[in-house]
Amino acid sequence: MTTERQLNFRTSKVSILGTTGFVLGFLPLLGFTFFSPGLGAEGVLGMIIFGAAALTFLLLITAAKRNPWFWILVVIQMLLLAAVLVETFSDSMFYIGT
């Protein structure tokens, strides 16, 4: 394999992993924002999901360096992560209950 072909193969893996992580993590992050009093109430599972979302954020930034359309996903992911953190540290400002 040539160097450029190897780079494209790695970039496509990063793009696929980032997009998959975004799609799978969108609803849990939205749920943490509006239907949870914060990450402290969710325990270990909430921290694992938030950590995976942060890793997805980094993967999306890496993918966006090659394809500018990924910046849309980066901004959405950043807003979701910020909303979860605001919810956690603001004494449940966005909490609408269940």
PDB file of N, CA and C in Angstrom:
ATOM      1  N   MET A   1       0.832  -1.183   0.000  1.00  0.00           N
ATOM      2  CA  MET A   1       0.000   0.000   0.000  1.00  0.00           C
ATOM      3  C   MET A   1       0.876   1.245   0.000  1.00  0.00           C
ATOM      4  N   THR A   2       0.458   2.204  -0.747  1.00  0.00           N
ATOM      5  CA  THR A   2       1.200   3.454  -0.750  1.00  0.00           C
ATOM      6  C   THR A   2       0.837   4.254   0.499  1.00  0.00           C
ATOM      7  N   THR A   3       1.636   5.252   0.781  1.00  0.00           N
ATOM      8  CA  THR A   3       1.425   6.060   1.980  1.00  0.00           C
ATOM      9  C   THR A   3       0.090   6.795   1.925  1.00  0.00           C
ATOM     10  N   GLU A   4      -0.254   7.355   0.764  1.00  0.00           N
ATOM     11  CA  GLU A   4      -1.522   8.083   0.644  1.00  0.00           C
ATOM     12  C   GLU A   4      -2.713   7.140   0.809  1.00  0.00           C
ATOM     13  N   ARG A   5      -2.597   5.938   0.296  1.00  0.00           N
ATOM     14  CA  ARG A   5      -3.683   4.963   0.425  1.00  0.00           C
ATOM     15  C   ARG A   5      -3.844   4.523   1.878  1.00  0.00           C
ATOM     16  N   GLN A   6      -2.730   4.356   2.591  1.00  0.00           N
ATOM     17  CA  GLN A   6      -2.803   4.017   4.007  1.00  0.00           C
ATOM     18  C   GLN A   6      -3.448   5.144   4.801  1.00  0.00           C
ATOM     19  N   LEU A   7      -3.117   6.377   4.477  1.00  0.00           N
ATOM     20  CA  LEU A   7      -3.693   7.525   5.161  1.00  0.00           C
ATOM     21  C   LEU A   7      -5.196   7.608   4.917  1.00  0.00           C
ATOM     22  N   ASN A   8      -5.630   7.374   3.686  1.00  0.00           N
ATOM     23  CA  ASN A   8      -7.063   7.383   3.382  1.00  0.00           C
ATOM     24  C   ASN A   8      -7.789   6.265   4.113  1.00  0.00           C
ATOM     25  N   PHE A   9      -7.162   5.094   4.231  1.00  0.00           N
ATOM     26  CA  PHE A   9      -7.765   3.974   4.942  1.00  0.00           C
ATOM     27  C   PHE A   9      -7.930   4.301   6.423  1.00  0.00           C
ATOM     28  N   ARG A  10      -6.906   4.893   7.032  1.00  0.00           N
ATOM     29  CA  ARG A  10      -6.994   5.285   8.441  1.00  0.00           C
ATOM     30  C   ARG A  10      -8.033   6.380   8.642  1.00  0.00           C
ATOM     31  N   THR A  11      -8.075   7.337   7.733  1.00  0.00           N
ATOM     32  CA  THR A  11      -9.042   8.425   7.831  1.00  0.00           C
ATOM     33  C   THR A  11     -10.463   7.893   7.723  1.00  0.00           C
ATOM     34  N   SER A  12     -10.684   6.924   6.842  1.00  0.00           N
ATOM     35  CA  SER A  12     -12.027   6.376   6.717  1.00  0.00           C
ATOM     36  C   SER A  12     -12.421   5.617   7.987  1.00  0.00           C
ATOM     37  N   LYS A  13     -11.475   4.941   8.629  1.00  0.00           N
ATOM     38  CA  LYS A  13     -11.771   4.264   9.897  1.00  0.00           C
ATOM     39  C   LYS A  13     -12.165   5.279  10.968  1.00  0.00           C
ATOM     40  N   VAL A  14     -11.415   6.375  11.053  1.00  0.00           N
ATOM     41  CA  VAL A  14     -11.709   7.413  12.036  1.00  0.00           C
ATOM     42  C   VAL A  14     -13.071   8.032  11.751  1.00  0.00           C
ATOM     43  N   SER A  15     -13.377   8.272  10.491  1.00  0.00           N
ATOM     44  CA  SER A  15     -14.673   8.844  10.123  1.00  0.00           C
ATOM     45  C   SER A  15     -15.818   7.920  10.497  1.00  0.00           C
ATOM     46  N   ILE A  16     -15.650   6.635  10.221  1.00  0.00           N
ATOM     47  CA  ILE A  16     -16.699   5.658  10.545  1.00  0.00           C
ATOM     48  C   ILE A  16     -16.878   5.549  12.056  1.00  0.00           C
ATOM     49  N   LEU A  17     -15.785   5.464  12.794  1.00  0.00           N
ATOM     50  CA  LEU A  17     -15.884   5.367  14.258  1.00  0.00           C
ATOM     51  C   LEU A  17     -16.502   6.626  14.866  1.00  0.00           C
ATOM     52  N   GLY A  18     -16.102   7.791  14.374  1.00  0.00           N
ATOM     53  CA  GLY A  18     -16.650   9.044  14.884  1.00  0.00           C
ATOM     54  C   GLY A  18     -18.133   9.178  14.602  1.00  0.00           C
ATOM     55  N   THR A  19     -18.544   8.842  13.387  1.00  0.00           N
ATOM     56  CA  THR A  19     -19.955   8.937  13.028  1.00  0.00           C
ATOM     57  C   THR A  19     -20.793   7.930  13.805  1.00  0.00           C
ATOM     58  N   THR A  20     -20.286   6.710  13.955  1.00  0.00           N
ATOM     59  CA  THR A  20     -21.005   5.692  14.724  1.00  0.00           C
ATOM     60  C   THR A  20     -21.150   6.108  16.181  1.00  0.00           C
ATOM     61  N   GLY A  21     -20.075   6.623  16.757  1.00  0.00           N
ATOM     62  CA  GLY A  21     -20.142   7.103  18.137  1.00  0.00           C
ATOM     63  C   GLY A  21     -21.121   8.249  18.300  1.00  0.00           C
ATOM     64  N   PHE A  22     -21.168   9.129  17.308  1.00  0.00           N
ATOM     65  CA  PHE A  22     -22.112  10.251  17.366  1.00  0.00           C
ATOM     66  C   PHE A  22     -23.553   9.748  17.321  1.00  0.00           C
ATOM     67  N   VAL A  23     -23.832   8.848  16.396  1.00  0.00           N
ATOM     68  CA  VAL A  23     -25.202   8.341  16.238  1.00  0.00           C
ATOM     69  C   VAL A  23     -25.643   7.568  17.479  1.00  0.00           C
ATOM     70  N   LEU A  24     -24.766   6.721  18.006  1.00  0.00           N
ATOM     71  CA  LEU A  24     -25.124   5.920  19.183  1.00  0.00           C
ATOM     72  C   LEU A  24     -25.191   6.747  20.461  1.00  0.00           C
ATOM     73  N   GLY A  25     -24.421   7.823  20.540  1.00  0.00           N
ATOM     74  CA  GLY A  25     -24.374   8.604  21.764  1.00  0.00           C
ATOM     75  C   GLY A  25     -25.280   9.812  21.799  1.00  0.00           C
ATOM     76  N   PHE A  26     -25.952  10.111  20.689  1.00  0.00           N
ATOM     77  CA  PHE A  26     -26.784  11.311  20.627  1.00  0.00           C
ATOM     78  C   PHE A  26     -27.932  11.256  21.634  1.00  0.00           C
ATOM     79  N   LEU A  27     -28.710  10.204  21.617  1.00  0.00           N
ATOM     80  CA  LEU A  27     -29.863  10.116  22.520  1.00  0.00           C
ATOM     81  C   LEU A  27     -29.477  10.012  23.992  1.00  0.00           C
ATOM     82  N   PRO A  28     -28.450   9.225  24.361  1.00  0.00           N
ATOM     83  CA  PRO A  28     -28.072   9.230  25.779  1.00  0.00           C
ATOM     84  C   PRO A  28     -27.615  10.608  26.277  1.00  0.00           C
ATOM     85  N   LEU A  29     -26.868  11.349  25.467  1.00  0.00           N
ATOM     86  CA  LEU A  29     -26.446  12.690  25.892  1.00  0.00           C
ATOM     87  C   LEU A  29     -27.632  13.632  25.990  1.00  0.00           C
ATOM     88  N   LEU A  30     -28.561  13.515  25.064  1.00  0.00           N
ATOM     89  CA  LEU A  30     -29.774  14.323  25.133  1.00  0.00           C
ATOM     90  C   LEU A  30     -30.584  13.962  26.377  1.00  0.00           C
ATOM     91  N   GLY A  31     -30.626  12.674  26.691  1.00  0.00           N
ATOM     92  CA  GLY A  31     -31.313  12.225  27.902  1.00  0.00           C
ATOM     93  C   GLY A  31     -30.645  12.727  29.165  1.00  0.00           C
ATOM     94  N   PHE A  32     -29.319  12.728  29.190  1.00  0.00           N
ATOM     95  CA  PHE A  32     -28.606  13.255  30.357  1.00  0.00           C
ATOM     96  C   PHE A  32     -28.868  14.739  30.533  1.00  0.00           C
ATOM     97  N   THR A  33     -29.093  15.442  29.432  1.00  0.00           N
ATOM     98  CA  THR A  33     -29.317  16.882  29.512  1.00  0.00           C
ATOM     99  C   THR A  33     -30.694  17.223  30.064  1.00  0.00           C
ATOM    100  N   PHE A  34     -31.734  16.558  29.579  1.00  0.00           N
ATOM    101  CA  PHE A  34     -33.091  16.972  29.922  1.00  0.00           C
ATOM    102  C   PHE A  34     -33.822  16.047  30.888  1.00  0.00           C
ATOM    103  N   PHE A  35     -33.424  14.786  31.000  1.00  0.00           N
ATOM    104  CA  PHE A  35     -34.172  13.847  31.818  1.00  0.00           C
ATOM    105  C   PHE A  35     -33.362  13.273  32.970  1.00  0.00           C
ATOM    106  N   SER A  36     -32.264  13.916  33.312  1.00  0.00           N
ATOM    107  CA  SER A  36     -31.415  13.461  34.400  1.00  0.00           C
ATOM    108  C   SER A  36     -30.966  14.679  35.203  1.00  0.00           C
ATOM    109  N   PRO A  37     -30.917  14.545  36.521  1.00  0.00           N
ATOM    110  CA  PRO A  37     -30.457  15.686  37.321  1.00  0.00           C
ATOM    111  C   PRO A  37     -28.954  15.932  37.234  1.00  0.00           C
ATOM    112  N   GLY A  38     -28.238  15.139  36.483  1.00  0.00           N
ATOM    113  CA  GLY A  38     -26.805  15.338  36.307  1.00  0.00           C
ATOM    114  C   GLY A  38     -26.053  14.029  36.287  1.00  0.00           C
ATOM    115  N   LEU A  39     -24.786  14.095  35.925  1.00  0.00           N
ATOM    116  CA  LEU A  39     -23.986  12.879  35.837  1.00  0.00           C
ATOM    117  C   LEU A  39     -23.762  12.234  37.194  1.00  0.00           C
ATOM    118  N   GLY A  40     -23.787  13.018  38.252  1.00  0.00           N
ATOM    119  CA  GLY A  40     -23.603  12.452  39.585  1.00  0.00           C
ATOM    120  C   GLY A  40     -24.696  11.470  39.949  1.00  0.00           C
ATOM    121  N   ALA A  41     -25.897  11.700  39.441  1.00  0.00           N
ATOM    122  CA  ALA A  41     -27.016  10.803  39.724  1.00  0.00           C
ATOM    123  C   ALA A  41     -26.972   9.542  38.869  1.00  0.00           C
ATOM    124  N   GLU A  42     -26.230   9.558  37.784  1.00  0.00           N
ATOM    125  CA  GLU A  42     -26.188   8.415  36.878  1.00  0.00           C
ATOM    126  C   GLU A  42     -25.151   7.369  37.270  1.00  0.00           C
ATOM    127  N   GLY A  43     -24.169   7.751  38.050  1.00  0.00           N
ATOM    128  CA  GLY A  43     -23.164   6.803  38.508  1.00  0.00           C
ATOM    129  C   GLY A  43     -22.130   6.471  37.444  1.00  0.00           C
ATOM    130  N   VAL A  44     -21.618   5.257  37.517  1.00  0.00           N
ATOM    131  CA  VAL A  44     -20.517   4.831  36.664  1.00  0.00           C
ATOM    132  C   VAL A  44     -20.935   4.771  35.195  1.00  0.00           C
ATOM    133  N   LEU A  45     -22.130   4.296  34.926  1.00  0.00           N
ATOM    134  CA  LEU A  45     -22.584   4.191  33.539  1.00  0.00           C
ATOM    135  C   LEU A  45     -22.647   5.564  32.874  1.00  0.00           C
ATOM    136  N   GLY A  46     -23.095   6.562  33.594  1.00  0.00           N
ATOM    137  CA  GLY A  46     -23.129   7.918  33.051  1.00  0.00           C
ATOM    138  C   GLY A  46     -21.743   8.435  32.733  1.00  0.00           C
ATOM    139  N   MET A  47     -20.785   8.143  33.594  1.00  0.00           N
ATOM    140  CA  MET A  47     -19.406   8.579  33.349  1.00  0.00           C
ATOM    141  C   MET A  47     -18.799   7.854  32.151  1.00  0.00           C
ATOM    142  N   ILE A  48     -19.125   6.576  31.993  1.00  0.00           N
ATOM    143  CA  ILE A  48     -18.615   5.824  30.839  1.00  0.00           C
ATOM    144  C   ILE A  48     -19.181   6.403  29.548  1.00  0.00           C
ATOM    145  N   ILE A  49     -20.474   6.690  29.534  1.00  0.00           N
ATOM    146  CA  ILE A  49     -21.098   7.254  28.333  1.00  0.00           C
ATOM    147  C   ILE A  49     -20.538   8.639  28.038  1.00  0.00           C
ATOM    148  N   PHE A  50     -20.332   9.450  29.069  1.00  0.00           N
ATOM    149  CA  PHE A  50     -19.764  10.781  28.853  1.00  0.00           C
ATOM    150  C   PHE A  50     -18.323  10.674  28.348  1.00  0.00           C
ATOM    151  N   GLY A  51     -17.548   9.743  28.881  1.00  0.00           N
ATOM    152  CA  GLY A  51     -16.179   9.528  28.396  1.00  0.00           C
ATOM    153  C   GLY A  51     -16.154   9.080  26.949  1.00  0.00           C
ATOM    154  N   ALA A  52     -17.085   8.194  26.575  1.00  0.00           N
ATOM    155  CA  ALA A  52     -17.169   7.755  25.177  1.00  0.00           C
ATOM    156  C   ALA A  52     -17.565   8.915  24.273  1.00  0.00           C
ATOM    157  N   ALA A  53     -18.428   9.803  24.779  1.00  0.00           N
ATOM    158  CA  ALA A  53     -18.816  10.976  23.998  1.00  0.00           C
ATOM    159  C   ALA A  53     -17.632  11.930  23.813  1.00  0.00           C
ATOM    160  N   ALA A  54     -16.806  12.071  24.824  1.00  0.00           N
ATOM    161  CA  ALA A  54     -15.608  12.914  24.700  1.00  0.00           C
ATOM    162  C   ALA A  54     -14.629  12.311  23.695  1.00  0.00           C
ATOM    163  N   LEU A  55     -14.479  10.988  23.716  1.00  0.00           N
ATOM    164  CA  LEU A  55     -13.623  10.311  22.737  1.00  0.00           C
ATOM    165  C   LEU A  55     -14.192  10.477  21.326  1.00  0.00           C
ATOM    166  N   THR A  56     -15.504  10.380  21.198  1.00  0.00           N
ATOM    167  CA  THR A  56     -16.154  10.598  19.909  1.00  0.00           C
ATOM    168  C   THR A  56     -15.900  12.014  19.417  1.00  0.00           C
ATOM    169  N   PHE A  57     -15.933  12.980  20.320  1.00  0.00           N
ATOM    170  CA  PHE A  57     -15.637  14.372  19.976  1.00  0.00           C
ATOM    171  C   PHE A  57     -14.241  14.490  19.363  1.00  0.00           C
ATOM    172  N   LEU A  58     -13.264  13.836  19.970  1.00  0.00           N
ATOM    173  CA  LEU A  58     -11.902  13.878  19.432  1.00  0.00           C
ATOM    174  C   LEU A  58     -11.806  13.188  18.075  1.00  0.00           C
ATOM    175  N   LEU A  59     -12.517  12.064  17.914  1.00  0.00           N
ATOM    176  CA  LEU A  59     -12.524  11.377  16.623  1.00  0.00           C
ATOM    177  C   LEU A  59     -13.165  12.241  15.536  1.00  0.00           C
ATOM    178  N   LEU A  60     -14.230  12.943  15.893  1.00  0.00           N
ATOM    179  CA  LEU A  60     -14.891  13.808  14.917  1.00  0.00           C
ATOM    180  C   LEU A  60     -13.995  14.978  14.510  1.00  0.00           C
ATOM    181  N   ILE A  61     -13.245  15.517  15.449  1.00  0.00           N
ATOM    182  CA  ILE A  61     -12.308  16.594  15.106  1.00  0.00           C
ATOM    183  C   ILE A  61     -11.239  16.071  14.145  1.00  0.00           C
ATOM    184  N   THR A  62     -10.749  14.870  14.396  1.00  0.00           N
ATOM    185  CA  THR A  62      -9.753  14.267  13.507  1.00  0.00           C
ATOM    186  C   THR A  62     -10.338  14.045  12.116  1.00  0.00           C
ATOM    187  N   ALA A  63     -11.576  13.572  12.055  1.00  0.00           N
ATOM    188  CA  ALA A  63     -12.222  13.357  10.752  1.00  0.00           C
ATOM    189  C   ALA A  63     -12.501  14.680  10.049  1.00  0.00           C
ATOM    190  N   ALA A  64     -12.794  15.720  10.808  1.00  0.00           N
ATOM    191  CA  ALA A  64     -13.121  17.019  10.210  1.00  0.00           C
ATOM    192  C   ALA A  64     -11.904  17.682   9.563  1.00  0.00           C
ATOM    193  N   LYS A  65     -10.719  17.270   9.952  1.00  0.00           N
ATOM    194  CA  LYS A  65      -9.530  17.835   9.326  1.00  0.00           C
ATOM    195  C   LYS A  65      -9.428  17.434   7.858  1.00  0.00           C
ATOM    196  N   ARG A  66     -10.000  16.278   7.502  1.00  0.00           N
ATOM    197  CA  ARG A  66      -9.959  15.814   6.119  1.00  0.00           C
ATOM    198  C   ARG A  66     -11.237  16.139   5.347  1.00  0.00           C
ATOM    199  N   ASN A  67     -12.371  16.182   6.046  1.00  0.00           N
ATOM    200  CA  ASN A  67     -13.651  16.427   5.395  1.00  0.00           C
ATOM    201  C   ASN A  67     -14.399  17.514   6.170  1.00  0.00           C
ATOM    202  N   PRO A  68     -14.570  18.680   5.585  1.00  0.00           N
ATOM    203  CA  PRO A  68     -15.160  19.798   6.322  1.00  0.00           C
ATOM    204  C   PRO A  68     -16.612  19.581   6.747  1.00  0.00           C
ATOM    205  N   TRP A  69     -17.315  18.657   6.149  1.00  0.00           N
ATOM    206  CA  TRP A  69     -18.696  18.391   6.559  1.00  0.00           C
ATOM    207  C   TRP A  69     -18.783  17.850   7.969  1.00  0.00           C
ATOM    208  N   PHE A  70     -17.735  17.271   8.475  1.00  0.00           N
ATOM    209  CA  PHE A  70     -17.738  16.726   9.839  1.00  0.00           C
ATOM    210  C   PHE A  70     -17.752  17.828  10.899  1.00  0.00           C
ATOM    211  N   TRP A  71     -17.441  19.072  10.522  1.00  0.00           N
ATOM    212  CA  TRP A  71     -17.478  20.161  11.494  1.00  0.00           C
ATOM    213  C   TRP A  71     -18.890  20.374  12.032  1.00  0.00           C
ATOM    214  N   ILE A  72     -19.898  20.039  11.236  1.00  0.00           N
ATOM    215  CA  ILE A  72     -21.280  20.138  11.712  1.00  0.00           C
ATOM    216  C   ILE A  72     -21.494  19.184  12.884  1.00  0.00           C
ATOM    217  N   LEU A  73     -21.009  17.950  12.741  1.00  0.00           N
ATOM    218  CA  LEU A  73     -21.130  16.971  13.830  1.00  0.00           C
ATOM    219  C   LEU A  73     -20.291  17.380  15.037  1.00  0.00           C
ATOM    220  N   VAL A  74     -19.129  17.982  14.789  1.00  0.00           N
ATOM    221  CA  VAL A  74     -18.276  18.437  15.888  1.00  0.00           C
ATOM    222  C   VAL A  74     -19.002  19.495  16.717  1.00  0.00           C
ATOM    223  N   VAL A  75     -19.654  20.439  16.051  1.00  0.00           N
ATOM    224  CA  VAL A  75     -20.362  21.507  16.763  1.00  0.00           C
ATOM    225  C   VAL A  75     -21.540  20.932  17.556  1.00  0.00           C
ATOM    226  N   ILE A  76     -22.301  20.032  16.951  1.00  0.00           N
ATOM    227  CA  ILE A  76     -23.432  19.419  17.664  1.00  0.00           C
ATOM    228  C   ILE A  76     -22.946  18.634  18.866  1.00  0.00           C
ATOM    229  N   GLN A  77     -21.878  17.850  18.688  1.00  0.00           N
ATOM    230  CA  GLN A  77     -21.332  17.063  19.796  1.00  0.00           C
ATOM    231  C   GLN A  77     -20.823  17.976  20.905  1.00  0.00           C
ATOM    232  N   MET A  78     -20.183  19.079  20.533  1.00  0.00           N
ATOM    233  CA  MET A  78     -19.668  20.015  21.522  1.00  0.00           C
ATOM    234  C   MET A  78     -20.824  20.639  22.310  1.00  0.00           C
ATOM    235  N   LEU A  79     -21.906  20.995  21.636  1.00  0.00           N
ATOM    236  CA  LEU A  79     -23.065  21.556  22.323  1.00  0.00           C
ATOM    237  C   LEU A  79     -23.705  20.552  23.277  1.00  0.00           C
ATOM    238  N   LEU A  80     -23.779  19.291  22.858  1.00  0.00           N
ATOM    239  CA  LEU A  80     -24.335  18.260  23.737  1.00  0.00           C
ATOM    240  C   LEU A  80     -23.463  18.049  24.972  1.00  0.00           C
ATOM    241  N   LEU A  81     -22.149  17.982  24.775  1.00  0.00           N
ATOM    242  CA  LEU A  81     -21.244  17.809  25.914  1.00  0.00           C
ATOM    243  C   LEU A  81     -21.325  19.006  26.858  1.00  0.00           C
ATOM    244  N   ALA A  82     -21.388  20.196  26.305  1.00  0.00           N
ATOM    245  CA  ALA A  82     -21.499  21.393  27.146  1.00  0.00           C
ATOM    246  C   ALA A  82     -22.821  21.397  27.902  1.00  0.00           C
ATOM    247  N   ALA A  83     -23.910  20.983  27.256  1.00  0.00           N
ATOM    248  CA  ALA A  83     -25.205  20.948  27.923  1.00  0.00           C
ATOM    249  C   ALA A  83     -25.218  19.949  29.075  1.00  0.00           C
ATOM    250  N   VAL A  84     -24.576  18.805  28.897  1.00  0.00           N
ATOM    251  CA  VAL A  84     -24.503  17.821  29.979  1.00  0.00           C
ATOM    252  C   VAL A  84     -23.691  18.378  31.148  1.00  0.00           C
ATOM    253  N   LEU A  85     -22.594  19.046  30.848  1.00  0.00           N
ATOM    254  CA  LEU A  85     -21.789  19.624  31.924  1.00  0.00           C
ATOM    255  C   LEU A  85     -22.521  20.757  32.639  1.00  0.00           C
ATOM    256  N   VAL A  86     -23.225  21.589  31.886  1.00  0.00           N
ATOM    257  CA  VAL A  86     -24.006  22.661  32.513  1.00  0.00           C
ATOM    258  C   VAL A  86     -25.088  22.061  33.392  1.00  0.00           C
ATOM    259  N   GLU A  87     -25.754  21.023  32.901  1.00  0.00           N
ATOM    260  CA  GLU A  87     -26.792  20.349  33.686  1.00  0.00           C
ATOM    261  C   GLU A  87     -26.219  19.771  34.978  1.00  0.00           C
ATOM    262  N   THR A  88     -25.038  19.201  34.875  1.00  0.00           N
ATOM    263  CA  THR A  88     -24.418  18.571  36.043  1.00  0.00           C
ATOM    264  C   THR A  88     -24.011  19.602  37.088  1.00  0.00           C
ATOM    265  N   PHE A  89     -23.424  20.718  36.650  1.00  0.00           N
ATOM    266  CA  PHE A  89     -22.878  21.682  37.598  1.00  0.00           C
ATOM    267  C   PHE A  89     -23.811  22.851  37.928  1.00  0.00           C
ATOM    268  N   SER A  90     -25.003  22.913  37.305  1.00  0.00           N
ATOM    269  CA  SER A  90     -25.897  24.045  37.545  1.00  0.00           C
ATOM    270  C   SER A  90     -27.088  23.675  38.415  1.00  0.00           C
ATOM    271  N   ASP A  91     -27.001  22.591  39.123  1.00  0.00           N
ATOM    272  CA  ASP A  91     -28.088  22.153  39.988  1.00  0.00           C
ATOM    273  C   ASP A  91     -29.359  21.891  39.175  1.00  0.00           C
ATOM    274  N   SER A  92     -29.217  21.141  38.095  1.00  0.00           N
ATOM    275  CA  SER A  92     -30.323  20.661  37.253  1.00  0.00           C
ATOM    276  C   SER A  92     -31.131  21.780  36.611  1.00  0.00           C
ATOM    277  N   MET A  93     -30.459  22.677  35.926  1.00  0.00           N
ATOM    278  CA  MET A  93     -31.120  23.810  35.308  1.00  0.00           C
ATOM    279  C   MET A  93     -32.061  23.382  34.166  1.00  0.00           C
ATOM    280  N   PHE A  94     -31.682  22.368  33.370  1.00  0.00           N
ATOM    281  CA  PHE A  94     -32.485  21.949  32.229  1.00  0.00           C
ATOM    282  C   PHE A  94     -33.428  20.797  32.536  1.00  0.00           C
ATOM    283  N   TYR A  95     -33.395  20.284  33.732  1.00  0.00           N
ATOM    284  CA  TYR A  95     -34.140  19.069  34.080  1.00  0.00           C
ATOM    285  C   TYR A  95     -35.641  19.296  33.940  1.00  0.00           C
ATOM    286  N   ILE A  96     -36.294  18.493  33.104  1.00  0.00           N
ATOM    287  CA  ILE A  96     -37.741  18.615  32.923  1.00  0.00           C
ATOM    288  C   ILE A  96     -38.490  17.444  33.539  1.00  0.00           C
ATOM    289  N   GLY A  97     -37.779  16.520  34.135  1.00  0.00           N
ATOM    290  CA  GLY A  97     -38.417  15.390  34.811  1.00  0.00           C
ATOM    291  C   GLY A  97     -38.716  14.247  33.878  1.00  0.00           C
ATOM    292  N   THR A  98     -39.339  13.221  34.439  1.00  0.00           N
ATOM    293  CA  THR A  98     -39.681  12.045  33.636  1.00  0.00           C
ATOM    294  C   THR A  98     -41.154  11.761  33.725  1.00  0.00           C
TER     295      THR A  98
END
